[in-house]
C-alpha atoms as a PDB file:
ATOM      1  CA  UNK A   1      77.694-165.735-223.322  1.00  0.00           C
ATOM      2  CA  UNK A   2      77.915-169.125-224.965  1.00  0.00           C
ATOM      3  CA  UNK A   3      80.164-170.872-222.479  1.00  0.00           C
ATOM      4  CA  UNK A   4      78.985-173.953-220.588  1.00  0.00           C
ATOM      5  CA  UNK A   5      77.217-173.333-217.500  1.00  0.00           C
ATOM      6  CA  UNK A   6      79.507-173.179-214.348  1.00  0.00           C
ATOM      7  CA  UNK A   7      77.050-174.480-211.789  1.00  0.00           C
ATOM      8  CA  UNK A   8      75.334-178.312-211.775  1.00  0.00           C
ATOM      9  CA  UNK A   9      72.047-176.306-210.823  1.00  0.00           C
ATOM     10  CA  UNK A  10      70.609-175.583-214.261  1.00  0.00           C
ATOM     11  CA  UNK A  11      70.903-171.782-214.114  1.00  0.00           C
ATOM     12  CA  UNK A  12      70.511-171.870-218.245  1.00  0.00           C
ATOM     13  CA  UNK A  13      66.945-172.652-217.597  1.00  0.00           C
ATOM     14  CA  UNK A  14      66.262-169.602-215.164  1.00  0.00           C
ATOM     15  CA  UNK A  15      68.644-166.885-216.517  1.00  0.00           C
ATOM     16  CA  UNK A  16      68.242-167.043-220.189  1.00  0.00           C
ATOM     17  CA  UNK A  17      65.000-166.069-220.959  1.00  0.00           C
ATOM     18  CA  UNK A  18      63.616-162.252-220.979  1.00  0.00           C
ATOM     19  CA  UNK A  19      61.207-162.259-218.632  1.00  0.00           C
ATOM     20  CA  UNK A  20      62.798-164.296-216.111  1.00  0.00           C
ATOM     21  CA  UNK A  21      66.223-162.401-216.456  1.00  0.00           C
ATOM     22  CA  UNK A  22      64.267-159.094-216.189  1.00  0.00           C
ATOM     23  CA  UNK A  23      62.531-160.508-212.875  1.00  0.00           C
ATOM     24  CA  UNK A  24      66.258-160.976-211.224  1.00  0.00           C
ATOM     25  CA  UNK A  25      67.132-157.614-212.778  1.00  0.00           C
ATOM     26  CA  UNK A  26      64.630-155.711-211.333  1.00  0.00           C
ATOM     27  CA  UNK A  27      64.842-157.544-208.083  1.00  0.00           C
ATOM     28  CA  UNK A  28      68.625-156.492-207.874  1.00  0.00           C
ATOM     29  CA  UNK A  29      67.556-152.902-208.541  1.00  0.00           C
ATOM     30  CA  UNK A  30      65.033-152.986-205.839  1.00  0.00           C
ATOM     31  CA  UNK A  31      67.723-154.155-203.216  1.00  0.00           C
ATOM     32  CA  UNK A  32      70.255-152.008-204.474  1.00  0.00           C
ATOM     33  CA  UNK A  33      67.982-149.055-204.115  1.00  0.00           C
ATOM     34  CA  UNK A  34      66.925-150.157-200.507  1.00  0.00           C
ATOM     35  CA  UNK A  35      70.277-150.376-199.533  1.00  0.00           C
ATOM     36  CA  UNK A  36      71.054-146.700-200.531  1.00  0.00           C
ATOM     37  CA  UNK A  37      67.958-145.715-198.607  1.00  0.00           C
ATOM     38  CA  UNK A  38      65.951-144.701-201.473  1.00  0.00           C
ATOM     39  CA  UNK A  39      63.000-147.147-201.486  1.00  0.00           C
ATOM     40  CA  UNK A  40      61.241-149.619-199.962  1.00  0.00           C
ATOM     41  CA  UNK A  41      62.083-153.021-198.794  1.00  0.00           C
ATOM     42  CA  UNK A  42      62.299-155.703-201.575  1.00  0.00           C
ATOM     43  CA  UNK A  43      59.489-157.757-200.912  1.00  0.00           C
ATOM     44  CA  UNK A  44      57.594-160.582-202.920  1.00  0.00           C
ATOM     45  CA  UNK A  45      54.789-158.220-203.286  1.00  0.00           C
ATOM     46  CA  UNK A  46      56.662-155.383-204.115  1.00  0.00           C
ATOM     47  CA  UNK A  47      58.277-157.501-206.916  1.00  0.00           C
ATOM     48  CA  UNK A  48      55.029-158.882-208.625  1.00  0.00           C
ATOM     49  CA  UNK A  49      53.814-155.187-208.665  1.00  0.00           C
ATOM     50  CA  UNK A  50      56.841-154.093-210.632  1.00  0.00           C
ATOM     51  CA  UNK A  51      58.199-157.192-212.513  1.00  0.00           C
ATOM     52  CA  UNK A  52      56.917-157.914-215.602  1.00  0.00           C
ATOM     53  CA  UNK A  53      55.720-161.235-215.272  1.00  0.00           C
ATOM     54  CA  UNK A  54      52.203-162.381-213.633  1.00  0.00           C
ATOM     55  CA  UNK A  55      52.065-162.652-209.734  1.00  0.00           C
ATOM     56  CA  UNK A  56      51.758-166.328-210.088  1.00  0.00           C
ATOM     57  CA  UNK A  57      54.809-166.463-212.251  1.00  0.00           C
ATOM     58  CA  UNK A  58      56.715-164.451-210.125  1.00  0.00           C
ATOM     59  CA  UNK A  59      55.853-166.219-206.950  1.00  0.00           C
ATOM     60  CA  UNK A  60      57.065-169.691-208.299  1.00  0.00           C
ATOM     61  CA  UNK A  61      60.256-168.349-210.018  1.00  0.00           C
ATOM     62  CA  UNK A  62      61.044-166.799-206.452  1.00  0.00           C
ATOM     63  CA  UNK A  63      60.670-170.131-205.088  1.00  0.00           C
ATOM     64  CA  UNK A  64      62.846-171.617-207.673  1.00  0.00           C
ATOM     65  CA  UNK A  65      65.724-169.159-206.880  1.00  0.00           C
ATOM     66  CA  UNK A  66      65.173-169.627-202.986  1.00  0.00           C
ATOM     67  CA  UNK A  67      65.605-173.466-203.864  1.00  0.00           C
ATOM     68  CA  UNK A  68      68.812-173.010-205.981  1.00  0.00           C
ATOM     69  CA  UNK A  69      70.357-170.451-203.621  1.00  0.00           C
ATOM     70  CA  UNK A  70      70.049-167.539-205.526  1.00  0.00           C
ATOM     71  CA  UNK A  71      67.325-165.587-203.312  1.00  0.00           C
ATOM     72  CA  UNK A  72      67.196-165.539-199.482  1.00  0.00           C
ATOM     73  CA  UNK A  73      64.329-164.131-197.704  1.00  0.00           C
ATOM     74  CA  UNK A  74      65.212-162.180-194.452  1.00  0.00           C
ATOM     75  CA  UNK A  75      63.331-160.915-191.694  1.00  0.00           C
ATOM     76  CA  UNK A  76      62.924-157.144-191.686  1.00  0.00           C
ATOM     77  CA  UNK A  77      64.808-155.549-188.576  1.00  0.00           C
ATOM     78  CA  UNK A  78      61.854-152.991-188.322  1.00  0.00           C
ATOM     79  CA  UNK A  79      58.850-155.610-188.346  1.00  0.00           C
ATOM     80  CA  UNK A  80      60.164-159.257-187.715  1.00  0.00           C
ATOM     81  CA  UNK A  81      56.880-160.558-189.146  1.00  0.00           C
ATOM     82  CA  UNK A  82      57.734-159.409-192.607  1.00  0.00           C
ATOM     83  CA  UNK A  83      60.513-160.591-195.011  1.00  0.00           C
ATOM     84  CA  UNK A  84      62.453-158.801-197.844  1.00  0.00           C
ATOM     85  CA  UNK A  85      64.066-160.900-200.460  1.00  0.00           C
ATOM     86  CA  UNK A  86      68.019-160.357-201.207  1.00  0.00           C
ATOM     87  CA  UNK A  87      69.869-161.505-203.892  1.00  0.00           C
ATOM     88  CA  UNK A  88      72.945-163.623-202.962  1.00  0.00           C
ATOM     89  CA  UNK A  89      76.296-162.877-204.932  1.00  0.00           C
ATOM     90  CA  UNK A  90      75.679-165.826-207.047  1.00  0.00           C
ATOM     91  CA  UNK A  91      72.272-164.674-208.555  1.00  0.00           C
ATOM     92  CA  UNK A  92      74.283-161.146-208.953  1.00  0.00           C
ATOM     93  CA  UNK A  93      76.980-162.768-210.753  1.00  0.00           C
ATOM     94  CA  UNK A  94      74.423-164.596-213.305  1.00  0.00           C
ATOM     95  CA  UNK A  95      72.619-161.462-214.165  1.00  0.00           C
ATOM     96  CA  UNK A  96      76.023-159.568-214.572  1.00  0.00           C
ATOM     97  CA  UNK A  97      77.404-162.212-217.196  1.00  0.00           C
ATOM     98  CA  UNK A  98      76.371-160.114-220.125  1.00  0.00           C
ATOM     99  CA  UNK A  99      76.733-156.473-218.702  1.00  0.00           C
ATOM    100  CA  UNK A 100      80.494-157.871-217.509  1.00  0.00           C
ATOM    101  CA  UNK A 101      80.823-158.834-221.049  1.00  0.00           C
ATOM    102  CA  UNK A 102      80.114-155.756-222.513  1.00  0.00           C
ATOM    103  CA  UNK A 103      82.108-153.789-219.738  1.00  0.00           C
ATOM    104  CA  UNK A 104      85.436-155.858-221.002  1.00  0.00           C
ATOM    105  CA  UNK A 105      84.598-155.149-224.183  1.00  0.00           C
ATOM    106  CA  UNK A 106      84.409-151.350-223.889  1.00  0.00           C
ATOM    107  CA  UNK A 107      87.732-151.529-221.955  1.00  0.00           C
ATOM    108  CA  UNK A 108      89.471-153.592-224.920  1.00  0.00           C
ATOM    109  CA  UNK A 109      88.561-150.914-227.208  1.00  0.00           C
ATOM    110  CA  UNK A 110      89.421-148.056-225.282  1.00  0.00           C
ATOM    111  CA  UNK A 111      91.219-148.668-222.082  1.00  0.00           C
ATOM    112  CA  UNK A 112      90.227-146.593-219.045  1.00  0.00           C
ATOM    113  CA  UNK A 113      92.445-145.097-216.626  1.00  0.00           C
ATOM    114  CA  UNK A 114      90.929-147.187-213.999  1.00  0.00           C
ATOM    115  CA  UNK A 115      90.672-150.885-214.270  1.00  0.00           C
ATOM    116  CA  UNK A 116      86.867-150.715-214.132  1.00  0.00           C
ATOM    117  CA  UNK A 117      86.007-154.461-214.919  1.00  0.00           C
ATOM    118  CA  UNK A 118      88.500-155.714-212.430  1.00  0.00           C
ATOM    119  CA  UNK A 119      87.056-153.352-209.512  1.00  0.00           C
ATOM    120  CA  UNK A 120      83.551-154.361-210.501  1.00  0.00           C
ATOM    121  CA  UNK A 121      83.925-157.921-210.670  1.00  0.00           C
ATOM    122  CA  UNK A 122      86.076-158.056-207.335  1.00  0.00           C
ATOM    123  CA  UNK A 123      83.109-156.907-205.298  1.00  0.00           C
ATOM    124  CA  UNK A 124      79.472-158.673-205.132  1.00  0.00           C
ATOM    125  CA  UNK A 125      78.496-155.123-203.350  1.00  0.00           C
ATOM    126  CA  UNK A 126      79.732-152.684-205.887  1.00  0.00           C
ATOM    127  CA  UNK A 127      78.311-155.266-208.773  1.00  0.00           C
ATOM    128  CA  UNK A 128      74.966-155.083-207.138  1.00  0.00           C
ATOM    129  CA  UNK A 129      75.255-151.233-206.990  1.00  0.00           C
ATOM    130  CA  UNK A 130      76.332-151.021-210.884  1.00  0.00           C
ATOM    131  CA  UNK A 131      73.439-153.204-211.727  1.00  0.00           C
ATOM    132  CA  UNK A 132      71.050-151.436-209.398  1.00  0.00           C
ATOM    133  CA  UNK A 133      71.713-148.041-211.222  1.00  0.00           C
ATOM    134  CA  UNK A 134      71.432-149.911-214.652  1.00  0.00           C
ATOM    135  CA  UNK A 135      67.625-150.789-213.344  1.00  0.00           C
ATOM    136  CA  UNK A 136      66.929-147.295-212.508  1.00  0.00           C
ATOM    137  CA  UNK A 137      67.903-146.065-215.729  1.00  0.00           C
ATOM    138  CA  UNK A 138      65.673-148.888-217.630  1.00  0.00           C
ATOM    139  CA  UNK A 139      62.577-148.034-215.376  1.00  0.00           C
ATOM    140  CA  UNK A 140      62.906-144.342-216.141  1.00  0.00           C
ATOM    141  CA  UNK A 141      63.487-144.846-220.008  1.00  0.00           C
ATOM    142  CA  UNK A 142      63.872-148.114-221.621  1.00  0.00           C
ATOM    143  CA  UNK A 143      66.590-147.328-224.034  1.00  0.00           C
ATOM    144  CA  UNK A 144      68.389-150.580-223.472  1.00  0.00           C
ATOM    145  CA  UNK A 145      65.648-152.923-225.130  1.00  0.00           C
ATOM    146  CA  UNK A 146      62.627-151.165-226.565  1.00  0.00           C
ATOM    147  CA  UNK A 147      64.229-150.010-229.520  1.00  0.00           C
ATOM    148  CA  UNK A 148      65.947-153.121-230.949  1.00  0.00           C
ATOM    149  CA  UNK A 149      62.705-155.043-231.958  1.00  0.00           C
ATOM    150  CA  UNK A 150      64.664-158.322-233.486  1.00  0.00           C
ATOM    151  CA  UNK A 151      66.609-158.650-230.250  1.00  0.00           C
ATOM    152  CA  UNK A 152      63.787-158.229-228.215  1.00  0.00           C
ATOM    153  CA  UNK A 153      62.265-161.037-230.262  1.00  0.00           C
ATOM    154  CA  UNK A 154      64.912-163.453-230.257  1.00  0.00           C
ATOM    155  CA  UNK A 155      65.795-163.261-226.479  1.00  0.00           C
ATOM    156  CA  UNK A 156      62.204-163.786-225.436  1.00  0.00           C
ATOM    157  CA  UNK A 157      62.471-167.265-226.228  1.00  0.00           C
ATOM    158  CA  UNK A 158      64.123-170.050-223.970  1.00  0.00           C
ATOM    159  CA  UNK A 159      68.247-169.470-224.503  1.00  0.00           C
ATOM    160  CA  UNK A 160      67.337-167.113-227.231  1.00  0.00           C
ATOM    161  CA  UNK A 161      70.091-164.843-225.788  1.00  0.00           C
ATOM    162  CA  UNK A 162      72.845-167.205-225.824  1.00  0.00           C
ATOM    163  CA  UNK A 163      71.658-168.495-229.312  1.00  0.00           C
ATOM    164  CA  UNK A 164      71.940-165.201-230.615  1.00  0.00           C
ATOM    165  CA  UNK A 165      75.451-164.662-229.269  1.00  0.00           C
ATOM    166  CA  UNK A 166      76.735-168.119-230.803  1.00  0.00           C
ATOM    167  CA  UNK A 167      75.322-167.129-234.313  1.00  0.00           C
ATOM    168  CA  UNK A 168      76.557-163.531-234.132  1.00  0.00           C
ATOM    169  CA  UNK A 169      79.955-165.048-232.632  1.00  0.00           C
ATOM    170  CA  UNK A 170      79.963-167.352-235.511  1.00  0.00           C
ATOM    171  CA  UNK A 171      79.828-164.697-238.121  1.00  0.00           C
ATOM    172  CA  UNK A 172      82.453-162.265-236.651  1.00  0.00           C
ATOM    173  CA  UNK A 173      84.854-165.313-235.913  1.00  0.00           C
ATOM    174  CA  UNK A 174      84.646-166.357-239.636  1.00  0.00           C
ATOM    175  CA  UNK A 175      85.462-162.862-240.566  1.00  0.00           C
ATOM    176  CA  UNK A 176      88.487-162.862-238.475  1.00  0.00           C
ATOM    177  CA  UNK A 177      89.787-166.460-238.810  1.00  0.00           C
ATOM    178  CA  UNK A 178      89.398-167.354-235.285  1.00  0.00           C
ATOM    179  CA  UNK A 179      87.633-169.951-233.237  1.00  0.00           C
ATOM    180  CA  UNK A 180      84.062-168.988-232.639  1.00  0.00           C
ATOM    181  CA  UNK A 181      83.695-171.257-229.300  1.00  0.00           C
ATOM    182  CA  UNK A 182      81.195-173.829-230.491  1.00  0.00           C
ATOM    183  CA  UNK A 183      82.393-176.908-232.953  1.00  0.00           C
ATOM    184  CA  UNK A 184      79.092-176.199-234.871  1.00  0.00           C
ATOM    185  CA  UNK A 185      75.660-175.120-234.824  1.00  0.00           C
ATOM    186  CA  UNK A 186      74.322-178.197-235.270  1.00  0.00           C
ATOM    187  CA  UNK A 187      70.911-179.061-233.361  1.00  0.00           C
ATOM    188  CA  UNK A 188      72.685-181.375-231.042  1.00  0.00           C
ATOM    189  CA  UNK A 189      75.907-179.299-230.334  1.00  0.00           C
ATOM    190  CA  UNK A 190      73.404-176.111-229.371  1.00  0.00           C
ATOM    191  CA  UNK A 191      71.088-178.117-227.556  1.00  0.00           C
ATOM    192  CA  UNK A 192      73.651-179.630-225.527  1.00  0.00           C
ATOM    193  CA  UNK A 193      75.355-176.335-224.655  1.00  0.00           C
ATOM    194  CA  UNK A 194      72.153-174.488-223.434  1.00  0.00           C
ATOM    195  CA  UNK A 195      70.300-177.518-221.965  1.00  0.00           C
ATOM    196  CA  UNK A 196      67.355-177.374-224.082  1.00  0.00           C
ATOM    197  CA  UNK A 197      65.761-179.939-226.513  1.00  0.00           C
ATOM    198  CA  UNK A 198      66.849-180.363-230.159  1.00  0.00           C
ATOM    199  CA  UNK A 199      63.206-179.558-231.081  1.00  0.00           C
ATOM    200  CA  UNK A 200      63.283-176.200-229.132  1.00  0.00           C
ATOM    201  CA  UNK A 201      66.417-175.395-231.217  1.00  0.00           C
ATOM    202  CA  UNK A 202      64.885-176.557-234.351  1.00  0.00           C
ATOM    203  CA  UNK A 203      61.973-174.357-233.847  1.00  0.00           C
ATOM    204  CA  UNK A 204      64.060-171.384-232.788  1.00  0.00           C
ATOM    205  CA  UNK A 205      66.162-171.764-236.372  1.00  0.00           C
ATOM    206  CA  UNK A 206      63.369-172.211-238.458  1.00  0.00           C
ATOM    207  CA  UNK A 207      61.621-169.224-237.018  1.00  0.00           C
ATOM    208  CA  UNK A 208      64.865-167.197-237.468  1.00  0.00           C
ATOM    209  CA  UNK A 209      65.241-168.510-241.340  1.00  0.00           C
ATOM    210  CA  UNK A 210      61.576-167.806-242.171  1.00  0.00           C
ATOM    211  CA  UNK A 211      61.953-164.362-240.863  1.00  0.00           C
ATOM    212  CA  UNK A 212      64.916-163.738-242.729  1.00  0.00           C
ATOM    213  CA  UNK A 213      67.185-163.265-239.420  1.00  0.00           C
ATOM    214  CA  UNK A 214      69.715-165.873-240.503  1.00  0.00           C
ATOM    215  CA  UNK A 215      69.779-169.429-241.564  1.00  0.00           C
ATOM    216  CA  UNK A 216      71.986-172.745-240.945  1.00  0.00           C
ATOM    217  CA  UNK A 217      73.092-175.186-243.724  1.00  0.00           C
ATOM    218  CA  UNK A 218      73.311-179.117-243.056  1.00  0.00           C
ATOM    219  CA  UNK A 219      76.416-179.781-241.044  1.00  0.00           C
ATOM    220  CA  UNK A 220      75.764-176.724-238.829  1.00  0.00           C
ATOM    221  CA  UNK A 221      77.597-174.173-240.737  1.00  0.00           C
ATOM    222  CA  UNK A 222      76.133-170.344-240.701  1.00  0.00           C
ATOM    223  CA  UNK A 223      74.588-169.891-244.387  1.00  0.00           C
ATOM    224  CA  UNK A 224      73.472-166.433-244.171  1.00  0.00           C
ATOM    225  CA  UNK A 225      72.742-163.667-241.924  1.00  0.00           C
ATOM    226  CA  UNK A 226      70.680-160.614-242.354  1.00  0.00           C
ATOM    227  CA  UNK A 227      72.758-157.356-242.526  1.00  0.00           C
ATOM    228  CA  UNK A 228      69.696-155.557-240.667  1.00  0.00           C
ATOM    229  CA  UNK A 229      70.249-157.893-237.910  1.00  0.00           C
ATOM    230  CA  UNK A 230      74.030-157.419-237.683  1.00  0.00           C
ATOM    231  CA  UNK A 231      73.507-153.457-237.674  1.00  0.00           C
ATOM    232  CA  UNK A 232      71.069-153.772-235.008  1.00  0.00           C
ATOM    233  CA  UNK A 233      73.328-156.226-232.942  1.00  0.00           C
ATOM    234  CA  UNK A 234      76.128-153.802-233.381  1.00  0.00           C
ATOM    235  CA  UNK A 235      74.240-150.585-232.528  1.00  0.00           C
ATOM    236  CA  UNK A 236      72.683-152.497-229.104  1.00  0.00           C
ATOM    237  CA  UNK A 237      76.052-153.646-228.465  1.00  0.00           C
ATOM    238  CA  UNK A 238      77.441-150.142-228.407  1.00  0.00           C
ATOM    239  CA  UNK A 239      74.553-148.732-226.365  1.00  0.00           C
ATOM    240  CA  UNK A 240      75.093-151.474-223.842  1.00  0.00           C
ATOM    241  CA  UNK A 241      79.056-150.918-223.287  1.00  0.00           C
ATOM    242  CA  UNK A 242      78.584-146.963-223.314  1.00  0.00           C
ATOM    243  CA  UNK A 243      75.704-147.530-220.602  1.00  0.00           C
ATOM    244  CA  UNK A 244      77.343-149.967-218.417  1.00  0.00           C
ATOM    245  CA  UNK A 245      81.130-148.159-218.578  1.00  0.00           C
ATOM    246  CA  UNK A 246      79.295-145.012-217.639  1.00  0.00           C
ATOM    247  CA  UNK A 247      77.810-146.616-214.841  1.00  0.00           C
ATOM    248  CA  UNK A 248      80.878-148.264-213.647  1.00  0.00           C
ATOM    249  CA  UNK A 249      82.787-145.237-213.757  1.00  0.00           C
ATOM    250  CA  UNK A 250      80.026-143.484-211.590  1.00  0.00           C
ATOM    251  CA  UNK A 251      80.306-146.525-209.101  1.00  0.00           C
ATOM    252  CA  UNK A 252      83.992-146.627-208.919  1.00  0.00           C
ATOM    253  CA  UNK A 253      84.393-143.101-208.530  1.00  0.00           C
ATOM    254  CA  UNK A 254      86.594-142.566-205.046  1.00  0.00           C
ATOM    255  CA  UNK A 255      84.502-139.765-204.062  1.00  0.00           C
ATOM    256  CA  UNK A 256      81.440-142.012-204.198  1.00  0.00           C
ATOM    257  CA  UNK A 257      79.817-143.418-201.331  1.00  0.00           C
ATOM    258  CA  UNK A 258      80.584-147.447-200.588  1.00  0.00           C
ATOM    259  CA  UNK A 259      77.879-149.743-200.808  1.00  0.00           C
ATOM    260  CA  UNK A 260      76.831-151.751-197.947  1.00  0.00           C
ATOM    261  CA  UNK A 261      78.461-155.100-197.446  1.00  0.00           C
ATOM    262  CA  UNK A 262      76.276-158.243-198.354  1.00  0.00           C
ATOM    263  CA  UNK A 263      76.073-161.099-196.158  1.00  0.00           C
ATOM    264  CA  UNK A 264      76.310-164.372-198.074  1.00  0.00           C
END
């Protein structure tokens, strides 16, 4: 989750803040449900009714996503005057970064009889269906985020999730004596990696220290981290692994119905 963005378009600015991520997540869920014949077309108006940001924010965000090639507006076959929103493979891949990481971790801990990660990763259609079923679970009962108040608070800020991953990754890397993936946790390194200002990084680190979550020493070294944060992160991570692995097993079930093919 801390690797540099792979595209020149600033996808980090779009996907690494909770409200924007959830908007994309819900759009994928609506599209997947519609593809299964279980819901209405995923229009902008429908997304504005169900997503967690304001209608104006949603409209502006979708405009940015269309500009970046992450969402396409397509005419509906039943009524050519109406359009629905289709998430592209690029959007699905971005939203799936964290779920795929948890699925990979689950398979490292307990190898499956079928290569779930490879099967999900190889097909945008299957990945869309997989994420869509996750959205269904989230909308029925939010056990993915609601019980984890510190993680939610951290990820509400711009680049909060990758920053949290960098801090926890540094903590675990130090325990194991391996490379953490970042040269240090200085303002400069974090700001350049996550494409935000040094001031923004400084504000988040100051808030984290004030709330007792973690603190960074001069030179960018992790000085302290809360045992409560570690416990919450590990509980949340275990739940994420179980959630996405269970859904992967459903989607990859040979007896299941194959999802429809998506246009590029």
